[in-house]
Amino acid sequence: MVAQMATAITLAVFLERCYAYNGVWKRVAVLPPSNPPWPPTYNMSLSTITMQCNFSGWSSPERGSQFGIVSYDWSNAKRQWAAQKPMDCEERLQTQAQLTKTQNPASHVFVYRNLVKALPWFSSVREKLDDPNYSGFFLKFDPNAKPYAVPQCAPEDPNKCTLYYHDQEQTPEVPTKKVPEPDGTCTEGVCDCGVNPCGEYLFDHRNGSMLRNWILNELVLGPTAIGDKNIDGLFMDDYWCSNLICEEDPTVHGCPCDDPVEGPTEIDSNSKHDMGLSDEDIRDITLAWNQTMTAVEESILQHKAYTWSLIPGEDNANASPLELTKDTCLPLLREACNVKSRWQNGPVLFGVGHNGTNLTQLHQDLAFFLLARGPYAWLGWGTWGMTWPFNPEPRHGELPPLPHGVPRPSELDMDYGEPEGLCFEISAGVFHRQWSKV
């Protein structure tokens, strides 16, 4: 295959960092990038990836199963699970995985997990939130920090309150005149997340081995996750960020802490005040969270499963592909055409360019992918989140004005065989790679 290129965005480089704390070196990173535990493939159909979320109901298992990796977001079927008594997001993710796997056993199916936020619409998390014996698992409001920036009580029931810190970001609610269409609609005037109000709670990773063992054995390896034969991996969302750690080494991934501030990501910006946490507290929780993440990723690999965060540039809850532009193709291809390069020895995500409704440079993107890819590489929708918009309302990306979304192009299901060597530059800016069936 010959392709004149002129190119792709820079590939994020994962660097493992250490942080000196009380004379002990502790990693402020999870495992370095790792390949999946399953055999590599050059099958084009299986070298594709998508993260799906159909808010109104089930995501199409037929469409999802066409991808080599299909990952289901927690808001999938949210309109359905938010109305349940109690909410059953966890079980619906499992069912979605089973429906997809039935369509294509060769597809690797992932589901969502969060090790920062304790989400009570997950039954396993709600069980622990409801049990006072496990109160040490969760961060609490500081009684001296009133008034809080977020409510302690359920919006629909002022008598349903909790000492556990939580906000209402992306939380299902009972519709009101002020908010007639909340992010998930509770029915019959009740949001059922157990004995506590619905909201985004937070794990206190300083709890140590007791919390860590529960996360490993139930939330990650349990029967609704890796313990189900239909589930091959996880997307693990959110992370902790510490200003003290970032001041020590600004190159630590996640620095500076601006999502939105130091502490847990994608949570109310006043959470530090409302919980009465010091900079030292946040540093300690960040280090403990990293310990847990390391143990979780090691265990996932040991159980022959995988997670997005082991792909370079995708750690700390990222889902961002390389997207082809005309500015950096030449140096990237020159790097990729090397047997020792990261492209040939580690996993890489590639994205197809689009304008929201049409693929704008499919043949260039496909040529770049076939030239540069290694044994573990996937091509998907070229937007953060990587949701191929085949459902009525994709969670990530723009809604295409088409009745069935953006069709999957036939080029992604063609048999190109296997590469018969690496790519090489046959003349200035022109690259060649021979494939067995091209």
Foldseek 3Di string as FASTA:
>chain_A
DKDQAQKWDDFFFDDWDWDQDPNDIFTLAADAFDAFLDFFDPQLQLQAEAEFADQCAADDLLVQLSYNEYEYELNHNLQPQQADQARASLVRLLVSLVSNCVNPVNRAYAYADEQFWQFLSHPLSLVLVQDPVNVLFFFFFDPVLPPDPADQAAPLDNVQGDRFDFHCVLWEHDADPVRNDGSGHYPPSDGHSDSHHGGTTGTQLVVPPVNLVCCQVPVDCNCSHVVPPSHFEYEYAWAAAAPVRCVVPVVSPCPPPPLPHGTIHPGPPCVCSRRVHDSVSSVVSRSSVSVSSNVNQVVSSVSSGHYQLSARPCNNRWQAAIEIDSHCHVVLLVQLQDCPHCQAVGEHEHEFPDPQADRDCVVNSVVSCQQRHHSHYHYAHRDINRHQAQHQDTPDTHGHPDPGGHDDDCVSNDPQAAWPGHWDAPDVSMIDTHTPRD
